[in-house]
Structures are given as C-alpha cells and as structure tokens.
Amino acid sequence: MNKYWNLVWLGVIFEIGWVTGLKHSYNWWTWGLTILAIYISIHALVVASSKLPTGTTYAVFTGMGTAGTVLMEMIVFNEPFQVVKIGLITLLLVGVIGLKMVTKQPQEKGGV
C-alpha cells in the first residue's frame, strides 16, 4: 500500500507545480511544463485510487495540494504572510491527516 500512497504524494507535488504554473506561465515552454504536470498529477491520482479508498485518497490529494500551493506562493512568490492563512492550513492538514489515520487499509489478497 505504501507504493500507492507514494503515488499520491508524487501527484501532490505535481499538483502544486501545475496550479502554480497556471498563474506564472508566460511562454510555450512554461505552459508545456504546466500541462505535463497536470497529466502526471492526475495520472498518479488515478493509479493510486485504483488500490486505495477513493474518498480518502482524493481528500489527502486536494488537501495537501492546497496547503502546498498556499505555502509555495508565500515562500517563493512573496505572497503576504497571514497568521489566519497558516491557522486554516493547519486545520486543513489536521483534518486530512485524521481522515487518513481512521481509514482502514484493505488487506491484500494472499497476504498474511
């Protein structure tokens, strides 16, 4: 199962990249990278969802992607730092982590 959660995290990284790319792309090269990141992100999510609970997978994917995008904008692109934003991101992450922790992992066939 860790292999599929790793795909979710890979998808999150590329989601942060393509969402940021939508705002900051300015020529064919940067738009091409944004489109590639969209494909990789969604493909990783689809493959991971084939073996993991879809609702939990999507919640983790979107929650971590949202938090990562907001933090990326603050750190890299000098968006204004706001304590309220950090508090809300923390609340979001607590919910996503809690959801992942209470979701039971399906047993693999033939496993012990």
N, C-alpha and C. Protein backbone atom coordinates (compact mmCIF):
# COMPACT_ATOMS: atom_id res chain seq x y z
N MET A 1 0.80 -1.20 0.00
CA MET A 1 0.00 0.00 0.00
C MET A 1 0.85 1.27 0.00
N ASN A 2 2.03 1.21 0.61
CA ASN A 2 2.87 2.41 0.64
C ASN A 2 3.22 2.89 -0.76
N LYS A 3 3.35 1.95 -1.69
CA LYS A 3 3.64 2.32 -3.07
C LYS A 3 2.57 3.26 -3.62
N TYR A 4 1.33 2.98 -3.29
CA TYR A 4 0.23 3.80 -3.80
C TYR A 4 0.12 5.12 -3.06
N TRP A 5 0.43 5.14 -1.77
CA TRP A 5 0.46 6.43 -1.06
C TRP A 5 1.61 7.29 -1.59
N ASN A 6 2.72 6.65 -1.95
CA ASN A 6 3.82 7.41 -2.56
C ASN A 6 3.38 8.05 -3.88
N LEU A 7 2.54 7.35 -4.62
CA LEU A 7 1.99 7.94 -5.85
C LEU A 7 1.11 9.15 -5.54
N VAL A 8 0.37 9.08 -4.45
CA VAL A 8 -0.45 10.23 -4.06
C VAL A 8 0.45 11.42 -3.77
N TRP A 9 1.53 11.20 -3.01
CA TRP A 9 2.46 12.30 -2.68
C TRP A 9 3.13 12.85 -3.93
N LEU A 10 3.49 11.96 -4.86
CA LEU A 10 4.06 12.42 -6.13
C LEU A 10 3.04 13.29 -6.87
N GLY A 11 1.80 12.84 -6.90
CA GLY A 11 0.75 13.62 -7.53
C GLY A 11 0.56 14.97 -6.87
N VAL A 12 0.67 15.03 -5.55
CA VAL A 12 0.55 16.29 -4.82
C VAL A 12 1.65 17.26 -5.24
N ILE A 13 2.87 16.77 -5.35
CA ILE A 13 3.99 17.62 -5.76
C ILE A 13 3.72 18.21 -7.14
N PHE A 14 3.27 17.38 -8.06
CA PHE A 14 2.99 17.88 -9.40
C PHE A 14 1.74 18.76 -9.43
N GLU A 15 0.79 18.51 -8.52
CA GLU A 15 -0.38 19.39 -8.44
C GLU A 15 0.04 20.80 -8.01
N ILE A 16 0.90 20.88 -7.02
CA ILE A 16 1.42 22.18 -6.60
C ILE A 16 2.10 22.87 -7.77
N GLY A 17 2.86 22.09 -8.54
CA GLY A 17 3.55 22.65 -9.70
C GLY A 17 2.60 23.17 -10.76
N TRP A 18 1.56 22.41 -11.08
CA TRP A 18 0.69 22.88 -12.17
C TRP A 18 -0.23 24.01 -11.74
N VAL A 19 -0.66 23.99 -10.48
CA VAL A 19 -1.50 25.10 -10.02
C VAL A 19 -0.69 26.39 -10.01
N THR A 20 0.54 26.31 -9.54
CA THR A 20 1.43 27.47 -9.57
C THR A 20 1.72 27.86 -11.02
N GLY A 21 1.89 26.88 -11.89
CA GLY A 21 2.16 27.15 -13.30
C GLY A 21 1.02 27.88 -13.99
N LEU A 22 -0.22 27.62 -13.57
CA LEU A 22 -1.35 28.32 -14.18
C LEU A 22 -1.24 29.83 -13.98
N LYS A 23 -0.70 30.23 -12.85
CA LYS A 23 -0.58 31.66 -12.56
C LYS A 23 0.69 32.27 -13.16
N HIS A 24 1.77 31.50 -13.22
CA HIS A 24 3.07 32.07 -13.55
C HIS A 24 3.61 31.68 -14.93
N SER A 25 2.89 30.89 -15.71
CA SER A 25 3.37 30.53 -17.04
C SER A 25 3.28 31.73 -17.97
N TYR A 26 4.30 31.88 -18.82
CA TYR A 26 4.34 33.07 -19.68
C TYR A 26 4.79 32.78 -21.12
N ASN A 27 5.23 31.55 -21.41
CA ASN A 27 5.61 31.23 -22.79
C ASN A 27 5.28 29.75 -23.06
N TRP A 28 5.56 29.29 -24.26
CA TRP A 28 5.18 27.92 -24.63
C TRP A 28 5.88 26.89 -23.76
N TRP A 29 7.11 27.16 -23.34
CA TRP A 29 7.89 26.21 -22.54
C TRP A 29 7.26 26.04 -21.15
N THR A 30 6.93 27.15 -20.50
CA THR A 30 6.35 27.05 -19.16
C THR A 30 4.92 26.50 -19.21
N TRP A 31 4.18 26.82 -20.28
CA TRP A 31 2.85 26.22 -20.44
C TRP A 31 2.95 24.72 -20.70
N GLY A 32 3.96 24.31 -21.46
CA GLY A 32 4.17 22.89 -21.72
C GLY A 32 4.47 22.12 -20.43
N LEU A 33 5.30 22.71 -19.57
CA LEU A 33 5.60 22.08 -18.28
C LEU A 33 4.36 22.02 -17.39
N THR A 34 3.54 23.05 -17.46
CA THR A 34 2.30 23.05 -16.68
C THR A 34 1.37 21.93 -17.15
N ILE A 35 1.23 21.77 -18.44
CA ILE A 35 0.38 20.70 -18.99
C ILE A 35 0.93 19.32 -18.63
N LEU A 36 2.24 19.15 -18.69
CA LEU A 36 2.87 17.89 -18.30
C LEU A 36 2.61 17.61 -16.81
N ALA A 37 2.72 18.63 -15.97
CA ALA A 37 2.47 18.46 -14.54
C ALA A 37 1.01 18.08 -14.28
N ILE A 38 0.08 18.64 -15.04
CA ILE A 38 -1.34 18.27 -14.90
C ILE A 38 -1.50 16.79 -15.21
N TYR A 39 -0.91 16.34 -16.29
CA TYR A 39 -1.03 14.92 -16.68
C TYR A 39 -0.46 14.00 -15.60
N ILE A 40 0.76 14.29 -15.16
CA ILE A 40 1.41 13.42 -14.17
C ILE A 40 0.62 13.41 -12.87
N SER A 41 0.15 14.57 -12.45
CA SER A 41 -0.61 14.68 -11.21
C SER A 41 -1.89 13.84 -11.25
N ILE A 42 -2.66 14.01 -12.29
CA ILE A 42 -3.94 13.28 -12.40
C ILE A 42 -3.70 11.79 -12.61
N HIS A 43 -2.70 11.44 -13.41
CA HIS A 43 -2.39 10.03 -13.64
C HIS A 43 -1.99 9.34 -12.33
N ALA A 44 -1.15 9.98 -11.54
CA ALA A 44 -0.74 9.41 -10.26
C ALA A 44 -1.95 9.22 -9.34
N LEU A 45 -2.87 10.19 -9.34
CA LEU A 45 -4.07 10.08 -8.52
C LEU A 45 -4.95 8.92 -8.98
N VAL A 46 -5.12 8.77 -10.27
CA VAL A 46 -5.97 7.70 -10.80
C VAL A 46 -5.38 6.33 -10.46
N VAL A 47 -4.09 6.16 -10.65
CA VAL A 47 -3.45 4.87 -10.35
C VAL A 47 -3.55 4.57 -8.86
N ALA A 48 -3.27 5.56 -8.01
CA ALA A 48 -3.35 5.35 -6.57
C ALA A 48 -4.77 5.02 -6.13
N SER A 49 -5.75 5.67 -6.74
CA SER A 49 -7.15 5.44 -6.36
C SER A 49 -7.65 4.06 -6.76
N SER A 50 -6.94 3.41 -7.66
CA SER A 50 -7.35 2.06 -8.04
C SER A 50 -7.12 1.05 -6.91
N LYS A 51 -6.22 1.36 -5.98
CA LYS A 51 -5.90 0.44 -4.88
C LYS A 51 -6.20 1.00 -3.50
N LEU A 52 -6.40 2.30 -3.40
CA LEU A 52 -6.68 2.94 -2.10
C LEU A 52 -8.12 3.42 -2.07
N PRO A 53 -8.67 3.68 -0.87
CA PRO A 53 -10.02 4.22 -0.78
C PRO A 53 -10.09 5.58 -1.50
N THR A 54 -10.96 5.68 -2.47
CA THR A 54 -11.00 6.85 -3.34
C THR A 54 -11.27 8.14 -2.58
N GLY A 55 -12.22 8.14 -1.66
CA GLY A 55 -12.55 9.35 -0.92
C GLY A 55 -11.38 9.87 -0.11
N THR A 56 -10.72 8.97 0.59
CA THR A 56 -9.55 9.36 1.40
C THR A 56 -8.42 9.82 0.52
N THR A 57 -8.19 9.10 -0.56
CA THR A 57 -7.11 9.46 -1.48
C THR A 57 -7.33 10.86 -2.04
N TYR A 58 -8.53 11.14 -2.47
CA TYR A 58 -8.82 12.45 -3.05
C TYR A 58 -8.73 13.56 -2.00
N ALA A 59 -9.22 13.29 -0.79
CA ALA A 59 -9.14 14.29 0.27
C ALA A 59 -7.69 14.62 0.61
N VAL A 60 -6.86 13.61 0.72
CA VAL A 60 -5.44 13.84 1.00
C VAL A 60 -4.79 14.60 -0.15
N PHE A 61 -5.08 14.17 -1.36
CA PHE A 61 -4.52 14.80 -2.57
C PHE A 61 -4.86 16.28 -2.64
N THR A 62 -6.14 16.61 -2.50
CA THR A 62 -6.55 18.01 -2.63
C THR A 62 -6.14 18.84 -1.42
N GLY A 63 -6.23 18.26 -0.23
CA GLY A 63 -5.85 19.00 0.97
C GLY A 63 -4.37 19.35 1.00
N MET A 64 -3.54 18.36 0.71
CA MET A 64 -2.10 18.61 0.71
C MET A 64 -1.71 19.50 -0.46
N GLY A 65 -2.38 19.34 -1.59
CA GLY A 65 -2.10 20.20 -2.73
C GLY A 65 -2.45 21.65 -2.45
N THR A 66 -3.59 21.86 -1.78
CA THR A 66 -3.99 23.22 -1.42
C THR A 66 -3.01 23.84 -0.45
N ALA A 67 -2.67 23.11 0.60
CA ALA A 67 -1.72 23.62 1.59
C ALA A 67 -0.37 23.92 0.95
N GLY A 68 0.10 23.00 0.13
CA GLY A 68 1.39 23.18 -0.54
C GLY A 68 1.40 24.38 -1.47
N THR A 69 0.30 24.58 -2.18
CA THR A 69 0.23 25.71 -3.10
C THR A 69 0.25 27.04 -2.35
N VAL A 70 -0.50 27.13 -1.28
CA VAL A 70 -0.53 28.37 -0.49
C VAL A 70 0.86 28.64 0.09
N LEU A 71 1.49 27.61 0.64
CA LEU A 71 2.84 27.80 1.20
C LEU A 71 3.85 28.16 0.12
N MET A 72 3.75 27.53 -1.04
CA MET A 72 4.66 27.84 -2.15
C MET A 72 4.53 29.30 -2.56
N GLU A 73 3.31 29.77 -2.66
CA GLU A 73 3.09 31.17 -3.04
C GLU A 73 3.69 32.12 -2.00
N MET A 74 3.56 31.77 -0.72
CA MET A 74 4.12 32.63 0.33
C MET A 74 5.65 32.61 0.33
N ILE A 75 6.22 31.42 0.19
CA ILE A 75 7.68 31.28 0.32
C ILE A 75 8.40 31.72 -0.95
N VAL A 76 7.94 31.27 -2.10
CA VAL A 76 8.67 31.51 -3.35
C VAL A 76 8.26 32.81 -4.02
N PHE A 77 6.97 33.12 -3.99
CA PHE A 77 6.48 34.26 -4.76
C PHE A 77 6.06 35.45 -3.91
N ASN A 78 6.48 35.47 -2.65
CA ASN A 78 6.29 36.61 -1.76
C ASN A 78 4.84 37.05 -1.57
N GLU A 79 3.92 36.09 -1.56
CA GLU A 79 2.55 36.42 -1.17
C GLU A 79 2.58 36.86 0.29
N PRO A 80 1.68 37.73 0.70
CA PRO A 80 1.71 38.19 2.09
C PRO A 80 1.49 37.05 3.08
N PHE A 81 2.30 37.01 4.11
CA PHE A 81 2.17 36.02 5.19
C PHE A 81 1.04 36.48 6.11
N GLN A 82 0.09 35.58 6.35
CA GLN A 82 -1.01 35.90 7.25
C GLN A 82 -1.19 34.76 8.24
N VAL A 83 -1.25 35.11 9.51
CA VAL A 83 -1.41 34.11 10.56
C VAL A 83 -2.71 33.33 10.35
N VAL A 84 -3.75 34.01 9.89
CA VAL A 84 -5.03 33.34 9.66
C VAL A 84 -4.88 32.25 8.60
N LYS A 85 -4.15 32.53 7.53
CA LYS A 85 -3.92 31.52 6.47
C LYS A 85 -3.21 30.31 7.04
N ILE A 86 -2.17 30.54 7.83
CA ILE A 86 -1.41 29.43 8.42
C ILE A 86 -2.30 28.62 9.35
N GLY A 87 -3.14 29.29 10.13
CA GLY A 87 -4.07 28.59 11.02
C GLY A 87 -5.05 27.73 10.25
N LEU A 88 -5.58 28.26 9.16
CA LEU A 88 -6.53 27.50 8.36
C LEU A 88 -5.86 26.33 7.64
N ILE A 89 -4.64 26.53 7.17
CA ILE A 89 -3.89 25.42 6.56
C ILE A 89 -3.65 24.33 7.60
N THR A 90 -3.29 24.73 8.81
CA THR A 90 -3.06 23.75 9.88
C THR A 90 -4.34 22.97 10.16
N LEU A 91 -5.47 23.66 10.21
CA LEU A 91 -6.75 22.99 10.42
C LEU A 91 -7.05 22.01 9.30
N LEU A 92 -6.79 22.43 8.07
CA LEU A 92 -6.98 21.56 6.91
C LEU A 92 -6.11 20.31 7.01
N LEU A 93 -4.85 20.50 7.35
CA LEU A 93 -3.92 19.37 7.45
C LEU A 93 -4.30 18.42 8.58
N VAL A 94 -4.77 18.96 9.70
CA VAL A 94 -5.23 18.10 10.80
C VAL A 94 -6.39 17.23 10.33
N GLY A 95 -7.32 17.82 9.59
CA GLY A 95 -8.44 17.04 9.07
C GLY A 95 -8.01 15.96 8.09
N VAL A 96 -7.11 16.30 7.19
CA VAL A 96 -6.64 15.34 6.20
C VAL A 96 -5.86 14.20 6.87
N ILE A 97 -4.97 14.54 7.79
CA ILE A 97 -4.20 13.51 8.49
C ILE A 97 -5.13 12.64 9.32
N GLY A 98 -6.10 13.25 10.00
CA GLY A 98 -7.06 12.47 10.77
C GLY A 98 -7.86 11.52 9.90
N LEU A 99 -8.28 11.99 8.74
CA LEU A 99 -9.03 11.14 7.82
C LEU A 99 -8.18 9.95 7.36
N LYS A 100 -6.93 10.21 7.06
CA LYS A 100 -6.04 9.12 6.63
C LYS A 100 -5.83 8.12 7.77
N MET A 101 -5.73 8.61 9.00
CA MET A 101 -5.47 7.72 10.13
C MET A 101 -6.66 6.82 10.46
N VAL A 102 -7.88 7.29 10.25
CA VAL A 102 -9.04 6.48 10.61
C VAL A 102 -9.53 5.60 9.47
N THR A 103 -8.96 5.76 8.28
CA THR A 103 -9.36 4.93 7.15
C THR A 103 -8.62 3.61 7.20
N LYS A 104 -9.36 2.53 7.18
CA LYS A 104 -8.75 1.20 7.20
C LYS A 104 -8.17 0.87 5.86
N GLN A 105 -7.00 0.27 5.86
CA GLN A 105 -6.35 -0.17 4.63
C GLN A 105 -6.93 -1.52 4.22
N PRO A 106 -7.31 -1.69 2.98
CA PRO A 106 -7.79 -3.01 2.55
C PRO A 106 -6.65 -4.03 2.57
N GLN A 107 -6.98 -5.23 2.99
CA GLN A 107 -5.99 -6.30 3.03
C GLN A 107 -5.70 -6.80 1.62
N GLU A 108 -4.43 -7.02 1.32
CA GLU A 108 -4.09 -7.56 0.01
C GLU A 108 -4.41 -9.04 -0.03
N LYS A 109 -4.85 -9.50 -1.18
CA LYS A 109 -5.20 -10.91 -1.34
C LYS A 109 -3.93 -11.75 -1.25
N GLY A 110 -4.05 -12.86 -0.53
CA GLY A 110 -2.91 -13.78 -0.41
C GLY A 110 -1.91 -13.34 0.65
N GLY A 111 -2.17 -12.20 1.30
CA GLY A 111 -1.25 -11.70 2.34
C GLY A 111 -1.57 -12.34 3.68
N VAL A 112 -0.65 -12.17 4.59
CA VAL A 112 -0.84 -12.74 5.93
C VAL A 112 -1.41 -11.70 6.84
